[in-house]
Amino acid sequence: MADYRVYFLNAHGSILKCERLDCGDDETAVRQVMMLLKKDRNCHGFELWQSNRCVQVHPAHKPMHAG
């Protein structure tokens, strides 16, 4: 299992909250984040990271955090 961090973003792209996930691969992590995103009306996007690697940004924009 790999350790991921997800930063949930508001409509302006600012971080609302951060959560850690333990998932077997990137696809599983993205699916889990999408399910969490749908449950929170305040969240409008996310950045998913594994260590210093940006896995996915939704909606697509430049990641706010680097390494």
N, C-alpha and C. Protein backbone atom coordinates (compact mmCIF):
# COMPACT_ATOMS: atom_id res chain seq x y z
N MET A 1 0.84 -1.19 0.00
CA MET A 1 0.00 0.00 0.00
C MET A 1 0.88 1.25 0.00
N ALA A 2 0.44 2.24 -0.71
CA ALA A 2 1.18 3.49 -0.81
C ALA A 2 0.46 4.60 -0.04
N ASP A 3 1.24 5.51 0.47
CA ASP A 3 0.71 6.65 1.23
C ASP A 3 0.49 7.82 0.28
N TYR A 4 -0.73 8.32 0.23
CA TYR A 4 -1.10 9.46 -0.61
C TYR A 4 -1.62 10.59 0.28
N ARG A 5 -1.50 11.81 -0.21
CA ARG A 5 -2.12 12.98 0.42
C ARG A 5 -3.04 13.61 -0.61
N VAL A 6 -4.21 13.98 -0.17
CA VAL A 6 -5.13 14.69 -1.06
C VAL A 6 -5.45 16.04 -0.44
N TYR A 7 -5.29 17.08 -1.23
CA TYR A 7 -5.64 18.44 -0.82
C TYR A 7 -6.94 18.79 -1.51
N PHE A 8 -8.00 18.97 -0.72
CA PHE A 8 -9.29 19.36 -1.28
C PHE A 8 -9.32 20.87 -1.42
N LEU A 9 -9.81 21.34 -2.57
CA LEU A 9 -9.75 22.75 -2.92
C LEU A 9 -11.14 23.38 -2.99
N ASN A 10 -11.20 24.67 -2.67
CA ASN A 10 -12.45 25.41 -2.84
C ASN A 10 -12.55 25.92 -4.27
N ALA A 11 -13.57 26.71 -4.54
CA ALA A 11 -13.82 27.21 -5.90
C ALA A 11 -12.70 28.12 -6.41
N HIS A 12 -11.90 28.68 -5.49
CA HIS A 12 -10.81 29.58 -5.87
C HIS A 12 -9.47 28.86 -5.96
N GLY A 13 -9.46 27.55 -5.70
CA GLY A 13 -8.23 26.78 -5.76
C GLY A 13 -7.43 26.77 -4.47
N SER A 14 -8.01 27.32 -3.40
CA SER A 14 -7.34 27.32 -2.09
C SER A 14 -7.64 26.02 -1.36
N ILE A 15 -6.71 25.59 -0.53
CA ILE A 15 -6.87 24.34 0.20
C ILE A 15 -7.89 24.49 1.32
N LEU A 16 -8.86 23.58 1.33
CA LEU A 16 -9.85 23.51 2.40
C LEU A 16 -9.42 22.53 3.49
N LYS A 17 -8.88 21.41 3.06
CA LYS A 17 -8.46 20.38 4.00
C LYS A 17 -7.52 19.41 3.30
N CYS A 18 -6.81 18.65 4.11
CA CYS A 18 -5.88 17.64 3.61
C CYS A 18 -6.20 16.32 4.30
N GLU A 19 -6.17 15.24 3.54
CA GLU A 19 -6.40 13.91 4.11
C GLU A 19 -5.34 12.97 3.58
N ARG A 20 -4.98 11.98 4.39
CA ARG A 20 -4.06 10.92 3.97
C ARG A 20 -4.87 9.71 3.56
N LEU A 21 -4.40 9.05 2.52
CA LEU A 21 -5.03 7.83 2.02
C LEU A 21 -3.98 6.74 1.91
N ASP A 22 -4.38 5.52 2.12
CA ASP A 22 -3.51 4.37 1.94
C ASP A 22 -4.13 3.51 0.85
N CYS A 23 -3.55 3.53 -0.34
CA CYS A 23 -4.14 2.84 -1.49
C CYS A 23 -3.07 2.01 -2.20
N GLY A 24 -3.52 0.99 -2.91
CA GLY A 24 -2.61 0.09 -3.61
C GLY A 24 -1.99 0.67 -4.86
N ASP A 25 -2.68 1.61 -5.52
CA ASP A 25 -2.14 2.20 -6.74
C ASP A 25 -2.83 3.53 -7.01
N ASP A 26 -2.34 4.23 -8.04
CA ASP A 26 -2.88 5.55 -8.37
C ASP A 26 -4.36 5.51 -8.73
N GLU A 27 -4.75 4.53 -9.54
CA GLU A 27 -6.15 4.44 -9.98
C GLU A 27 -7.10 4.29 -8.79
N THR A 28 -6.73 3.45 -7.85
CA THR A 28 -7.55 3.26 -6.66
C THR A 28 -7.62 4.55 -5.85
N ALA A 29 -6.50 5.23 -5.72
CA ALA A 29 -6.47 6.49 -4.97
C ALA A 29 -7.37 7.53 -5.63
N VAL A 30 -7.30 7.66 -6.95
CA VAL A 30 -8.14 8.64 -7.66
C VAL A 30 -9.62 8.30 -7.48
N ARG A 31 -9.98 7.02 -7.60
CA ARG A 31 -11.39 6.63 -7.41
C ARG A 31 -11.87 6.98 -6.00
N GLN A 32 -11.03 6.72 -5.01
CA GLN A 32 -11.41 7.02 -3.63
C GLN A 32 -11.58 8.53 -3.43
N VAL A 33 -10.67 9.31 -3.99
CA VAL A 33 -10.77 10.76 -3.86
C VAL A 33 -12.02 11.29 -4.55
N MET A 34 -12.35 10.77 -5.73
CA MET A 34 -13.56 11.22 -6.43
C MET A 34 -14.81 10.94 -5.60
N MET A 35 -14.85 9.80 -4.92
CA MET A 35 -15.99 9.48 -4.06
C MET A 35 -16.07 10.47 -2.89
N LEU A 36 -14.93 10.79 -2.30
CA LEU A 36 -14.90 11.75 -1.19
C LEU A 36 -15.31 13.14 -1.67
N LEU A 37 -14.86 13.51 -2.85
CA LEU A 37 -15.16 14.83 -3.41
C LEU A 37 -16.66 15.01 -3.60
N LYS A 38 -17.34 13.98 -4.06
CA LYS A 38 -18.79 14.06 -4.31
C LYS A 38 -19.59 14.25 -3.02
N LYS A 39 -19.01 13.87 -1.88
CA LYS A 39 -19.73 13.95 -0.60
C LYS A 39 -19.61 15.32 0.07
N ASP A 40 -18.72 16.17 -0.41
CA ASP A 40 -18.48 17.46 0.24
C ASP A 40 -18.78 18.60 -0.73
N ARG A 41 -19.86 19.30 -0.48
CA ARG A 41 -20.28 20.39 -1.37
C ARG A 41 -19.34 21.58 -1.38
N ASN A 42 -18.52 21.72 -0.33
CA ASN A 42 -17.59 22.84 -0.26
C ASN A 42 -16.34 22.62 -1.11
N CYS A 43 -16.08 21.37 -1.46
CA CYS A 43 -14.89 21.05 -2.25
C CYS A 43 -15.23 21.09 -3.74
N HIS A 44 -14.36 21.78 -4.48
CA HIS A 44 -14.59 21.92 -5.92
C HIS A 44 -13.48 21.29 -6.74
N GLY A 45 -12.50 20.71 -6.08
CA GLY A 45 -11.40 20.07 -6.78
C GLY A 45 -10.43 19.48 -5.79
N PHE A 46 -9.35 18.93 -6.32
CA PHE A 46 -8.34 18.33 -5.45
C PHE A 46 -7.00 18.25 -6.15
N GLU A 47 -5.95 18.10 -5.34
CA GLU A 47 -4.62 17.72 -5.80
C GLU A 47 -4.29 16.44 -5.06
N LEU A 48 -3.92 15.40 -5.79
CA LEU A 48 -3.55 14.12 -5.20
C LEU A 48 -2.05 13.93 -5.35
N TRP A 49 -1.37 13.68 -4.24
CA TRP A 49 0.09 13.55 -4.22
C TRP A 49 0.50 12.24 -3.58
N GLN A 50 1.57 11.66 -4.10
CA GLN A 50 2.26 10.55 -3.46
C GLN A 50 3.70 11.02 -3.29
N SER A 51 4.10 11.25 -2.05
CA SER A 51 5.40 11.83 -1.74
C SER A 51 5.50 13.18 -2.46
N ASN A 52 6.52 13.39 -3.29
CA ASN A 52 6.63 14.68 -4.00
C ASN A 52 6.13 14.59 -5.44
N ARG A 53 5.40 13.53 -5.77
CA ARG A 53 4.87 13.32 -7.12
C ARG A 53 3.39 13.69 -7.16
N CYS A 54 3.06 14.62 -8.04
CA CYS A 54 1.65 14.98 -8.24
C CYS A 54 1.01 13.92 -9.13
N VAL A 55 0.03 13.22 -8.58
CA VAL A 55 -0.64 12.13 -9.29
C VAL A 55 -1.72 12.68 -10.20
N GLN A 56 -2.57 13.55 -9.66
CA GLN A 56 -3.66 14.11 -10.46
C GLN A 56 -4.16 15.40 -9.82
N VAL A 57 -4.57 16.32 -10.69
CA VAL A 57 -5.20 17.57 -10.27
C VAL A 57 -6.55 17.63 -10.94
N HIS A 58 -7.57 17.95 -10.16
CA HIS A 58 -8.94 18.02 -10.69
C HIS A 58 -9.66 19.22 -10.09
N PRO A 59 -10.25 20.12 -10.81
CA PRO A 59 -10.10 20.21 -12.26
C PRO A 59 -8.66 20.59 -12.60
N ALA A 60 -8.29 20.34 -13.84
CA ALA A 60 -6.90 20.54 -14.25
C ALA A 60 -6.47 21.99 -14.07
N HIS A 61 -5.41 22.18 -13.33
CA HIS A 61 -4.76 23.47 -13.18
C HIS A 61 -3.34 23.20 -12.69
N LYS A 62 -2.55 24.23 -12.59
CA LYS A 62 -1.18 24.05 -12.11
C LYS A 62 -1.21 23.72 -10.63
N PRO A 63 -0.50 22.67 -10.19
CA PRO A 63 -0.46 22.33 -8.76
C PRO A 63 0.05 23.49 -7.92
N MET A 64 -0.56 23.68 -6.75
CA MET A 64 -0.18 24.77 -5.87
C MET A 64 1.09 24.45 -5.09
N HIS A 65 1.37 23.18 -4.87
CA HIS A 65 2.50 22.76 -4.05
C HIS A 65 3.55 22.10 -4.93
N ALA A 66 4.77 22.41 -4.66
CA ALA A 66 5.85 21.74 -5.38
C ALA A 66 6.79 21.12 -4.36
N GLY A 67 7.11 19.85 -4.60
CA GLY A 67 8.06 19.08 -3.84
C GLY A 67 8.11 19.34 -2.42
